[in-house]
Amino acid sequence: MSTPKTVLIGDRVRYESAAGTIRGEVVKIMQDRNAAGNMIDWIYVEYYNEKSPSKYSIARLADTSLEMMKFVVTFRDIDIQIARGEKVAA
C-alpha cells in the first residue's frame, strides 16, 4: 500500500531547484514505473512558462523524491481540506 497523499489535485505548489522556481497547480497524480521498475506516484504540475508565454508547461515529479526537493504546497482549496477531513464545513 502507498502512503497517504501529501499532495492532491488542485493544490497550488512551489518547487525550487538550481534551474529555477516553478509555481503551479497539481493537475494529475498517476501511478507509473520509475527507472528501477517500481510503481510510484507521479505528480504533474502545470505552470506558466516565461520562455513561452502563450502556453503552460507540465512538470512530472516523482512522489518519492518530494522530501528531498524544496516542494511546498502553498494553497489548498477549502473544499479539498473538507474532503480530506482536515477542516469541518461551516
C-alpha atoms as a PDB file:
ATOM      1  CA  MET A   1       0.000   0.000   0.000  1.00  0.00           C
ATOM      2  CA  SER A   2       1.174   3.515  -0.713  1.00  0.00           C
ATOM      3  CA  THR A   3       1.450   6.152   1.973  1.00  0.00           C
ATOM      4  CA  PRO A   4      -1.305   8.783   2.363  1.00  0.00           C
ATOM      5  CA  LYS A   5      -1.132  11.584  -0.157  1.00  0.00           C
ATOM      6  CA  THR A   6       0.578  14.779   0.909  1.00  0.00           C
ATOM      7  CA  VAL A   7      -0.331  16.436  -2.381  1.00  0.00           C
ATOM      8  CA  LEU A   8      -3.768  16.486  -4.003  1.00  0.00           C
ATOM      9  CA  ILE A   9      -5.102  17.508  -7.393  1.00  0.00           C
ATOM     10  CA  GLY A  10      -5.935  21.209  -7.272  1.00  0.00           C
ATOM     11  CA  ASP A  11      -3.184  22.124  -4.792  1.00  0.00           C
ATOM     12  CA  ARG A  12      -1.094  25.152  -5.630  1.00  0.00           C
ATOM     13  CA  VAL A  13       2.564  24.275  -5.199  1.00  0.00           C
ATOM     14  CA  ARG A  14       6.059  25.750  -5.405  1.00  0.00           C
ATOM     15  CA  TYR A  15       9.152  23.759  -6.403  1.00  0.00           C
ATOM     16  CA  GLU A  16      12.639  25.246  -6.209  1.00  0.00           C
ATOM     17  CA  SER A  17      15.688  23.813  -7.931  1.00  0.00           C
ATOM     18  CA  ALA A  18      19.043  25.017  -9.215  1.00  0.00           C
ATOM     19  CA  ALA A  19      17.391  25.619 -12.588  1.00  0.00           C
ATOM     20  CA  GLY A  20      14.768  27.960 -11.133  1.00  0.00           C
ATOM     21  CA  THR A  21      11.415  28.039  -9.398  1.00  0.00           C
ATOM     22  CA  ILE A  22       8.151  26.528 -10.610  1.00  0.00           C
ATOM     23  CA  ARG A  23       4.861  27.802  -9.212  1.00  0.00           C
ATOM     24  CA  GLY A  24       1.813  25.974 -10.464  1.00  0.00           C
ATOM     25  CA  GLU A  25      -1.144  23.712  -9.836  1.00  0.00           C
ATOM     26  CA  VAL A  26      -1.268  19.934  -9.469  1.00  0.00           C
ATOM     27  CA  VAL A  27      -3.377  18.717 -12.401  1.00  0.00           C
ATOM     28  CA  LYS A  28      -2.868  14.952 -12.237  1.00  0.00           C
ATOM     29  CA  ILE A  29      -1.471  12.234  -9.984  1.00  0.00           C
ATOM     30  CA  MET A  30      -0.777   8.961 -11.751  1.00  0.00           C
ATOM     31  CA  GLN A  31       0.978   5.691 -10.962  1.00  0.00           C
ATOM     32  CA  ASP A  32       3.742   4.590 -13.291  1.00  0.00           C
ATOM     33  CA  ARG A  33       7.077   2.807 -13.113  1.00  0.00           C
ATOM     34  CA  ASN A  34      10.280   4.580 -12.146  1.00  0.00           C
ATOM     35  CA  ALA A  35      13.757   3.803 -13.508  1.00  0.00           C
ATOM     36  CA  ALA A  36      14.122   0.913 -11.031  1.00  0.00           C
ATOM     37  CA  GLY A  37      10.868  -0.631 -12.251  1.00  0.00           C
ATOM     38  CA  ASN A  38       8.855   0.139  -9.090  1.00  0.00           C
ATOM     39  CA  MET A  39       5.309   1.505  -9.269  1.00  0.00           C
ATOM     40  CA  ILE A  40       5.263   5.001  -7.743  1.00  0.00           C
ATOM     41  CA  ASP A  41       3.029   8.073  -7.858  1.00  0.00           C
ATOM     42  CA  TRP A  42       3.965  10.801 -10.330  1.00  0.00           C
ATOM     43  CA  ILE A  43       2.735  14.349  -9.762  1.00  0.00           C
ATOM     44  CA  TYR A  44       2.000  16.522 -12.783  1.00  0.00           C
ATOM     45  CA  VAL A  45       2.324  20.267 -12.104  1.00  0.00           C
ATOM     46  CA  GLU A  46       1.030  22.740 -14.674  1.00  0.00           C
ATOM     47  CA  TYR A  47       2.873  26.060 -14.591  1.00  0.00           C
ATOM     48  CA  TYR A  48       3.268  29.262 -16.580  1.00  0.00           C
ATOM     49  CA  ASN A  49       6.362  29.122 -18.751  1.00  0.00           C
ATOM     50  CA  GLU A  50       8.034  32.534 -19.046  1.00  0.00           C
ATOM     51  CA  LYS A  51      10.052  31.423 -22.089  1.00  0.00           C
ATOM     52  CA  SER A  52       6.873  30.510 -23.945  1.00  0.00           C
ATOM     53  CA  PRO A  53       4.195  32.881 -22.586  1.00  0.00           C
ATOM     54  CA  SER A  54       1.445  31.690 -24.921  1.00  0.00           C
ATOM     55  CA  LYS A  55       1.147  28.289 -23.227  1.00  0.00           C
ATOM     56  CA  TYR A  56       1.524  26.403 -19.968  1.00  0.00           C
ATOM     57  CA  SER A  57       4.053  23.659 -19.340  1.00  0.00           C
ATOM     58  CA  ILE A  58       3.769  20.496 -17.269  1.00  0.00           C
ATOM     59  CA  ALA A  59       6.454  19.168 -14.926  1.00  0.00           C
ATOM     60  CA  ARG A  60       6.365  15.485 -13.904  1.00  0.00           C
ATOM     61  CA  LEU A  61       7.768  14.904 -10.412  1.00  0.00           C
ATOM     62  CA  ALA A  62       8.200  11.641  -8.519  1.00  0.00           C
ATOM     63  CA  ASP A  63       6.243  11.487  -5.256  1.00  0.00           C
ATOM     64  CA  THR A  64       9.069   9.539  -3.585  1.00  0.00           C
ATOM     65  CA  SER A  65      11.565  12.373  -4.059  1.00  0.00           C
ATOM     66  CA  LEU A  66       9.419  15.270  -2.782  1.00  0.00           C
ATOM     67  CA  GLU A  67      11.033  15.125   0.660  1.00  0.00           C
ATOM     68  CA  MET A  68      14.447  15.842  -0.874  1.00  0.00           C
ATOM     69  CA  MET A  69      13.122  18.651  -3.061  1.00  0.00           C
ATOM     70  CA  LYS A  70      12.126  22.117  -1.974  1.00  0.00           C
ATOM     71  CA  PHE A  71       8.487  21.240  -2.790  1.00  0.00           C
ATOM     72  CA  VAL A  72       5.803  23.105  -0.829  1.00  0.00           C
ATOM     73  CA  VAL A  73       2.004  23.177  -1.007  1.00  0.00           C
ATOM     74  CA  THR A  74       1.294  26.922  -0.942  1.00  0.00           C
ATOM     75  CA  PHE A  75      -2.517  26.840  -1.188  1.00  0.00           C
ATOM     76  CA  ARG A  76      -5.187  24.202  -0.738  1.00  0.00           C
ATOM     77  CA  ASP A  77      -8.835  24.931  -1.504  1.00  0.00           C
ATOM     78  CA  ILE A  78     -11.195  24.670   1.483  1.00  0.00           C
ATOM     79  CA  ASP A  79     -13.279  22.051  -0.358  1.00  0.00           C
ATOM     80  CA  ILE A  80     -10.219  19.793  -0.642  1.00  0.00           C
ATOM     81  CA  GLN A  81      -9.498  20.247   3.067  1.00  0.00           C
ATOM     82  CA  ILE A  82     -13.102  19.329   3.975  1.00  0.00           C
ATOM     83  CA  ALA A  83     -12.954  16.232   1.745  1.00  0.00           C
ATOM     84  CA  ARG A  84      -9.746  15.109   3.477  1.00  0.00           C
ATOM     85  CA  GLY A  85     -11.267  15.689   6.930  1.00  0.00           C
ATOM     86  CA  GLU A  86      -8.745  18.415   7.795  1.00  0.00           C
ATOM     87  CA  LYS A  87     -11.484  21.010   8.289  1.00  0.00           C
ATOM     88  CA  VAL A  88     -15.160  20.902   9.140  1.00  0.00           C
ATOM     89  CA  ALA A  89     -17.738  22.548   6.880  1.00  0.00           C
ATOM     90  CA  ALA A  90     -19.252  25.695   8.395  1.00  0.00           C
END
